[in-house]
Amino acid sequence: MYKESILSEKSLYFAASTVKFCIKVNKETNENIITKQLIRLSTSIGANICEVNYGISKSDFISKMQIAMK
């Protein structure tokens, strides 16, 4: 079972805030390319953090966490 952590909670909050921001920007400026990319980037953090929980070894855990931190 997936274990909640402060890091996953913060990444979810960040992604939700970013999506709301992008929706607002898109309505005001009709900018699609940058807002779509920003949404992909902000939501990928949480996906990478979820992957960390399934690390096979300590080195795999570290590797996946470094990807999430980038």
PDB file of N, CA and C in Angstrom:
ATOM      1  N   MET A   1       0.837  -1.188   0.000  1.00  0.00           N
ATOM      2  CA  MET A   1       0.000   0.000   0.000  1.00  0.00           C
ATOM      3  C   MET A   1       0.877   1.244   0.000  1.00  0.00           C
ATOM      4  N   TYR A   2       0.430   2.262  -0.670  1.00  0.00           N
ATOM      5  CA  TYR A   2       1.172   3.514  -0.790  1.00  0.00           C
ATOM      6  C   TYR A   2       1.146   4.268   0.530  1.00  0.00           C
ATOM      7  N   LYS A   3       2.301   4.670   0.984  1.00  0.00           N
ATOM      8  CA  LYS A   3       2.427   5.396   2.247  1.00  0.00           C
ATOM      9  C   LYS A   3       2.512   6.896   1.962  1.00  0.00           C
ATOM     10  N   GLU A   4       1.631   7.666   2.599  1.00  0.00           N
ATOM     11  CA  GLU A   4       1.646   9.121   2.441  1.00  0.00           C
ATOM     12  C   GLU A   4       2.846   9.718   3.172  1.00  0.00           C
ATOM     13  N   SER A   5       3.389  10.757   2.624  1.00  0.00           N
ATOM     14  CA  SER A   5       4.485  11.462   3.262  1.00  0.00           C
ATOM     15  C   SER A   5       4.296  12.958   3.047  1.00  0.00           C
ATOM     16  N   ILE A   6       5.054  13.720   3.798  1.00  0.00           N
ATOM     17  CA  ILE A   6       4.993  15.176   3.647  1.00  0.00           C
ATOM     18  C   ILE A   6       5.402  15.563   2.228  1.00  0.00           C
ATOM     19  N   LEU A   7       6.390  14.889   1.694  1.00  0.00           N
ATOM     20  CA  LEU A   7       6.872  15.201   0.352  1.00  0.00           C
ATOM     21  C   LEU A   7       5.791  14.955  -0.702  1.00  0.00           C
ATOM     22  N   SER A   8       5.076  13.842  -0.581  1.00  0.00           N
ATOM     23  CA  SER A   8       4.016  13.574  -1.556  1.00  0.00           C
ATOM     24  C   SER A   8       2.856  14.551  -1.392  1.00  0.00           C
ATOM     25  N   GLU A   9       2.543  14.924  -0.157  1.00  0.00           N
ATOM     26  CA  GLU A   9       1.480  15.903   0.082  1.00  0.00           C
ATOM     27  C   GLU A   9       1.849  17.262  -0.511  1.00  0.00           C
ATOM     28  N   LYS A  10       3.099  17.676  -0.324  1.00  0.00           N
ATOM     29  CA  LYS A  10       3.541  18.963  -0.859  1.00  0.00           C
ATOM     30  C   LYS A  10       3.575  18.949  -2.384  1.00  0.00           C
ATOM     31  N   SER A  11       3.972  17.829  -2.964  1.00  0.00           N
ATOM     32  CA  SER A  11       4.012  17.765  -4.426  1.00  0.00           C
ATOM     33  C   SER A  11       2.597  17.796  -5.002  1.00  0.00           C
ATOM     34  N   LEU A  12       1.640  17.175  -4.301  1.00  0.00           N
ATOM     35  CA  LEU A  12       0.248  17.222  -4.745  1.00  0.00           C
ATOM     36  C   LEU A  12      -0.295  18.643  -4.655  1.00  0.00           C
ATOM     37  N   TYR A  13      -0.005  19.326  -3.551  1.00  0.00           N
ATOM     38  CA  TYR A  13      -0.443  20.714  -3.384  1.00  0.00           C
ATOM     39  C   TYR A  13       0.180  21.603  -4.462  1.00  0.00           C
ATOM     40  N   PHE A  14       1.472  21.401  -4.728  1.00  0.00           N
ATOM     41  CA  PHE A  14       2.157  22.183  -5.756  1.00  0.00           C
ATOM     42  C   PHE A  14       1.527  21.951  -7.125  1.00  0.00           C
ATOM     43  N   ALA A  15       1.255  20.688  -7.463  1.00  0.00           N
ATOM     44  CA  ALA A  15       0.661  20.378  -8.762  1.00  0.00           C
ATOM     45  C   ALA A  15      -0.729  20.996  -8.889  1.00  0.00           C
ATOM     46  N   ALA A  16      -1.542  20.874  -7.835  1.00  0.00           N
ATOM     47  CA  ALA A  16      -2.898  21.440  -7.880  1.00  0.00           C
ATOM     48  C   ALA A  16      -2.858  22.961  -8.008  1.00  0.00           C
ATOM     49  N   SER A  17      -1.962  23.593  -7.274  1.00  0.00           N
ATOM     50  CA  SER A  17      -1.827  25.054  -7.364  1.00  0.00           C
ATOM     51  C   SER A  17      -1.363  25.483  -8.748  1.00  0.00           C
ATOM     52  N   THR A  18      -0.448  24.732  -9.318  1.00  0.00           N
ATOM     53  CA  THR A  18       0.064  25.058 -10.646  1.00  0.00           C
ATOM     54  C   THR A  18      -1.017  24.905 -11.704  1.00  0.00           C
ATOM     55  N   VAL A  19      -1.817  23.840 -11.598  1.00  0.00           N
ATOM     56  CA  VAL A  19      -2.905  23.637 -12.560  1.00  0.00           C
ATOM     57  C   VAL A  19      -3.905  24.783 -12.475  1.00  0.00           C
ATOM     58  N   LYS A  20      -4.265  25.179 -11.253  1.00  0.00           N
ATOM     59  CA  LYS A  20      -5.198  26.303 -11.088  1.00  0.00           C
ATOM     60  C   LYS A  20      -4.615  27.585 -11.690  1.00  0.00           C
ATOM     61  N   PHE A  21      -3.332  27.818 -11.448  1.00  0.00           N
ATOM     62  CA  PHE A  21      -2.662  28.990 -12.003  1.00  0.00           C
ATOM     63  C   PHE A  21      -2.685  28.955 -13.535  1.00  0.00           C
ATOM     64  N   CYS A  22      -2.389  27.794 -14.106  1.00  0.00           N
ATOM     65  CA  CYS A  22      -2.341  27.670 -15.562  1.00  0.00           C
ATOM     66  C   CYS A  22      -3.715  27.868 -16.196  1.00  0.00           C
ATOM     67  N   ILE A  23      -4.747  27.386 -15.524  1.00  0.00           N
ATOM     68  CA  ILE A  23      -6.105  27.601 -16.027  1.00  0.00           C
ATOM     69  C   ILE A  23      -6.415  29.091 -16.066  1.00  0.00           C
ATOM     70  N   LYS A  24      -6.043  29.796 -14.998  1.00  0.00           N
ATOM     71  CA  LYS A  24      -6.279  31.240 -14.939  1.00  0.00           C
ATOM     72  C   LYS A  24      -5.488  31.966 -16.031  1.00  0.00           C
ATOM     73  N   VAL A  25      -4.216  31.626 -16.182  1.00  0.00           N
ATOM     74  CA  VAL A  25      -3.383  32.260 -17.207  1.00  0.00           C
ATOM     75  C   VAL A  25      -3.935  31.972 -18.596  1.00  0.00           C
ATOM     76  N   ASN A  26      -4.359  30.733 -18.807  1.00  0.00           N
ATOM     77  CA  ASN A  26      -4.881  30.347 -20.118  1.00  0.00           C
ATOM     78  C   ASN A  26      -6.153  31.121 -20.468  1.00  0.00           C
ATOM     79  N   LYS A  27      -7.005  31.373 -19.471  1.00  0.00           N
ATOM     80  CA  LYS A  27      -8.226  32.147 -19.717  1.00  0.00           C
ATOM     81  C   LYS A  27      -7.909  33.595 -20.066  1.00  0.00           C
ATOM     82  N   GLU A  28      -6.894  34.152 -19.383  1.00  0.00           N
ATOM     83  CA  GLU A  28      -6.573  35.564 -19.566  1.00  0.00           C
ATOM     84  C   GLU A  28      -5.724  35.828 -20.811  1.00  0.00           C
ATOM     85  N   THR A  29      -4.827  34.924 -21.142  1.00  0.00           N
ATOM     86  CA  THR A  29      -3.878  35.189 -22.223  1.00  0.00           C
ATOM     87  C   THR A  29      -4.023  34.264 -23.417  1.00  0.00           C
ATOM     88  N   ASN A  30      -4.788  33.190 -23.255  1.00  0.00           N
ATOM     89  CA  ASN A  30      -4.970  32.192 -24.306  1.00  0.00           C
ATOM     90  C   ASN A  30      -3.633  31.537 -24.686  1.00  0.00           C
ATOM     91  N   GLU A  31      -2.763  31.358 -23.701  1.00  0.00           N
ATOM     92  CA  GLU A  31      -1.455  30.734 -23.893  1.00  0.00           C
ATOM     93  C   GLU A  31      -1.577  29.240 -23.590  1.00  0.00           C
ATOM     94  N   ASN A  32      -1.395  28.401 -24.617  1.00  0.00           N
ATOM     95  CA  ASN A  32      -1.571  26.966 -24.437  1.00  0.00           C
ATOM     96  C   ASN A  32      -0.263  26.206 -24.299  1.00  0.00           C
ATOM     97  N   ILE A  33       0.719  26.553 -25.067  1.00  0.00           N
ATOM     98  CA  ILE A  33       1.949  25.771 -25.120  1.00  0.00           C
ATOM     99  C   ILE A  33       2.687  25.792 -23.791  1.00  0.00           C
ATOM    100  N   ILE A  34       2.906  26.973 -23.247  1.00  0.00           N
ATOM    101  CA  ILE A  34       3.664  27.092 -21.991  1.00  0.00           C
ATOM    102  C   ILE A  34       2.874  26.513 -20.827  1.00  0.00           C
ATOM    103  N   THR A  35       1.572  26.771 -20.754  1.00  0.00           N
ATOM    104  CA  THR A  35       0.791  26.258 -19.630  1.00  0.00           C
ATOM    105  C   THR A  35       0.700  24.738 -19.661  1.00  0.00           C
ATOM    106  N   LYS A  36       0.577  24.138 -20.835  1.00  0.00           N
ATOM    107  CA  LYS A  36       0.551  22.671 -20.917  1.00  0.00           C
ATOM    108  C   LYS A  36       1.866  22.078 -20.435  1.00  0.00           C
ATOM    109  N   GLN A  37       2.968  22.669 -20.825  1.00  0.00           N
ATOM    110  CA  GLN A  37       4.277  22.181 -20.391  1.00  0.00           C
ATOM    111  C   GLN A  37       4.454  22.359 -18.888  1.00  0.00           C
ATOM    112  N   LEU A  38       4.012  23.481 -18.351  1.00  0.00           N
ATOM    113  CA  LEU A  38       4.113  23.733 -16.918  1.00  0.00           C
ATOM    114  C   LEU A  38       3.287  22.718 -16.126  1.00  0.00           C
ATOM    115  N   ILE A  39       2.131  22.373 -16.620  1.00  0.00           N
ATOM    116  CA  ILE A  39       1.299  21.360 -15.959  1.00  0.00           C
ATOM    117  C   ILE A  39       1.992  19.997 -15.985  1.00  0.00           C
ATOM    118  N   ARG A  40       2.560  19.620 -17.127  1.00  0.00           N
ATOM    119  CA  ARG A  40       3.278  18.332 -17.219  1.00  0.00           C
ATOM    120  C   ARG A  40       4.442  18.295 -16.249  1.00  0.00           C
ATOM    121  N   LEU A  41       5.188  19.396 -16.191  1.00  0.00           N
ATOM    122  CA  LEU A  41       6.347  19.440 -15.293  1.00  0.00           C
ATOM    123  C   LEU A  41       5.942  19.357 -13.822  1.00  0.00           C
ATOM    124  N   SER A  42       4.914  20.100 -13.440  1.00  0.00           N
ATOM    125  CA  SER A  42       4.538  20.133 -12.020  1.00  0.00           C
ATOM    126  C   SER A  42       3.908  18.820 -11.567  1.00  0.00           C
ATOM    127  N   THR A  43       3.189  18.138 -12.435  1.00  0.00           N
ATOM    128  CA  THR A  43       2.574  16.868 -12.039  1.00  0.00           C
ATOM    129  C   THR A  43       3.562  15.708 -12.089  1.00  0.00           C
ATOM    130  N   SER A  44       4.640  15.842 -12.838  1.00  0.00           N
ATOM    131  CA  SER A  44       5.618  14.745 -12.917  1.00  0.00           C
ATOM    132  C   SER A  44       6.393  14.593 -11.611  1.00  0.00           C
ATOM    133  N   ILE A  45       6.475  15.644 -10.815  1.00  0.00           N
ATOM    134  CA  ILE A  45       7.177  15.555  -9.530  1.00  0.00           C
ATOM    135  C   ILE A  45       6.515  14.502  -8.645  1.00  0.00           C
ATOM    136  N   GLY A  46       5.208  14.584  -8.519  1.00  0.00           N
ATOM    137  CA  GLY A  46       4.473  13.612  -7.710  1.00  0.00           C
ATOM    138  C   GLY A  46       4.579  12.204  -8.248  1.00  0.00           C
ATOM    139  N   ALA A  47       4.551  12.065  -9.567  1.00  0.00           N
ATOM    140  CA  ALA A  47       4.687  10.739 -10.170  1.00  0.00           C
ATOM    141  C   ALA A  47       6.052  10.137  -9.848  1.00  0.00           C
ATOM    142  N   ASN A  48       7.076  10.945  -9.909  1.00  0.00           N
ATOM    143  CA  ASN A  48       8.414  10.450  -9.593  1.00  0.00           C
ATOM    144  C   ASN A  48       8.550  10.109  -8.113  1.00  0.00           C
ATOM    145  N   ILE A  49       7.911  10.868  -7.251  1.00  0.00           N
ATOM    146  CA  ILE A  49       7.952  10.570  -5.819  1.00  0.00           C
ATOM    147  C   ILE A  49       7.225   9.254  -5.536  1.00  0.00           C
ATOM    148  N   CYS A  50       6.130   9.003  -6.233  1.00  0.00           N
ATOM    149  CA  CYS A  50       5.435   7.715  -6.075  1.00  0.00           C
ATOM    150  C   CYS A  50       6.342   6.562  -6.495  1.00  0.00           C
ATOM    151  N   GLU A  51       7.112   6.751  -7.539  1.00  0.00           N
ATOM    152  CA  GLU A  51       8.048   5.726  -7.990  1.00  0.00           C
ATOM    153  C   GLU A  51       9.095   5.413  -6.932  1.00  0.00           C
ATOM    154  N   VAL A  52       9.476   6.402  -6.156  1.00  0.00           N
ATOM    155  CA  VAL A  52      10.481   6.210  -5.108  1.00  0.00           C
ATOM    156  C   VAL A  52      10.028   5.137  -4.126  1.00  0.00           C
ATOM    157  N   ASN A  53       8.744   5.107  -3.820  1.00  0.00           N
ATOM    158  CA  ASN A  53       8.225   4.135  -2.856  1.00  0.00           C
ATOM    159  C   ASN A  53       8.375   2.694  -3.324  1.00  0.00           C
ATOM    160  N   TYR A  54       8.601   2.499  -4.611  1.00  0.00           N
ATOM    161  CA  TYR A  54       8.727   1.154  -5.153  1.00  0.00           C
ATOM    162  C   TYR A  54      10.165   0.833  -5.544  1.00  0.00           C
ATOM    163  N   GLY A  55      11.103   1.547  -4.985  1.00  0.00           N
ATOM    164  CA  GLY A  55      12.514   1.284  -5.252  1.00  0.00           C
ATOM    165  C   GLY A  55      12.907  -0.108  -4.770  1.00  0.00           C
ATOM    166  N   ILE A  56      13.680  -0.808  -5.571  1.00  0.00           N
ATOM    167  CA  ILE A  56      14.068  -2.178  -5.260  1.00  0.00           C
ATOM    168  C   ILE A  56      15.183  -2.212  -4.216  1.00  0.00           C
ATOM    169  N   SER A  57      16.097  -1.299  -4.317  1.00  0.00           N
ATOM    170  CA  SER A  57      17.233  -1.278  -3.404  1.00  0.00           C
ATOM    171  C   SER A  57      17.465   0.156  -2.934  1.00  0.00           C
ATOM    172  N   LYS A  58      18.430   0.306  -2.033  1.00  0.00           N
ATOM    173  CA  LYS A  58      18.751   1.639  -1.536  1.00  0.00           C
ATOM    174  C   LYS A  58      19.263   2.530  -2.665  1.00  0.00           C
ATOM    175  N   SER A  59      20.101   1.976  -3.547  1.00  0.00           N
ATOM    176  CA  SER A  59      20.626   2.772  -4.662  1.00  0.00           C
ATOM    177  C   SER A  59      19.515   3.135  -5.650  1.00  0.00           C
ATOM    178  N   ASP A  60      18.542   2.239  -5.847  1.00  0.00           N
ATOM    179  CA  ASP A  60      17.407   2.525  -6.720  1.00  0.00           C
ATOM    180  C   ASP A  60      16.554   3.641  -6.114  1.00  0.00           C
ATOM    181  N   PHE A  61      16.346   3.579  -4.803  1.00  0.00           N
ATOM    182  CA  PHE A  61      15.615   4.619  -4.088  1.00  0.00           C
ATOM    183  C   PHE A  61      16.284   5.973  -4.271  1.00  0.00           C
ATOM    184  N   ILE A  62      17.588   6.020  -4.068  1.00  0.00           N
ATOM    185  CA  ILE A  62      18.344   7.269  -4.196  1.00  0.00           C
ATOM    186  C   ILE A  62      18.271   7.809  -5.617  1.00  0.00           C
ATOM    187  N   SER A  63      18.424   6.921  -6.583  1.00  0.00           N
ATOM    188  CA  SER A  63      18.381   7.319  -7.990  1.00  0.00           C
ATOM    189  C   SER A  63      17.029   7.939  -8.346  1.00  0.00           C
ATOM    190  N   LYS A  64      15.950   7.293  -7.927  1.00  0.00           N
ATOM    191  CA  LYS A  64      14.621   7.789  -8.251  1.00  0.00           C
ATOM    192  C   LYS A  64      14.319   9.101  -7.523  1.00  0.00           C
ATOM    193  N   MET A  65      14.808   9.247  -6.303  1.00  0.00           N
ATOM    194  CA  MET A  65      14.605  10.485  -5.566  1.00  0.00           C
ATOM    195  C   MET A  65      15.380  11.638  -6.220  1.00  0.00           C
ATOM    196  N   GLN A  66      16.548  11.351  -6.747  1.00  0.00           N
ATOM    197  CA  GLN A  66      17.313  12.397  -7.437  1.00  0.00           C
ATOM    198  C   GLN A  66      16.587  12.861  -8.700  1.00  0.00           C
ATOM    199  N   ILE A  67      15.923  11.938  -9.388  1.00  0.00           N
ATOM    200  CA  ILE A  67      15.129  12.307 -10.566  1.00  0.00           C
ATOM    201  C   ILE A  67      13.983  13.225 -10.142  1.00  0.00           C
ATOM    202  N   ALA A  68      13.306  12.881  -9.069  1.00  0.00           N
ATOM    203  CA  ALA A  68      12.194  13.697  -8.580  1.00  0.00           C
ATOM    204  C   ALA A  68      12.656  15.080  -8.165  1.00  0.00           C
ATOM    205  N   MET A  69      13.849  15.156  -7.599  1.00  0.00           N
ATOM    206  CA  MET A  69      14.379  16.449  -7.149  1.00  0.00           C
ATOM    207  C   MET A  69      14.803  17.346  -8.296  1.00  0.00           C
ATOM    208  N   LYS A  70      15.126  16.776  -9.443  1.00  0.00           N
ATOM    209  CA  LYS A  70      15.532  17.595 -10.593  1.00  0.00           C
ATOM    210  C   LYS A  70      14.358  18.422 -11.034  1.00  0.00           C
TER     211      LYS A  70
END
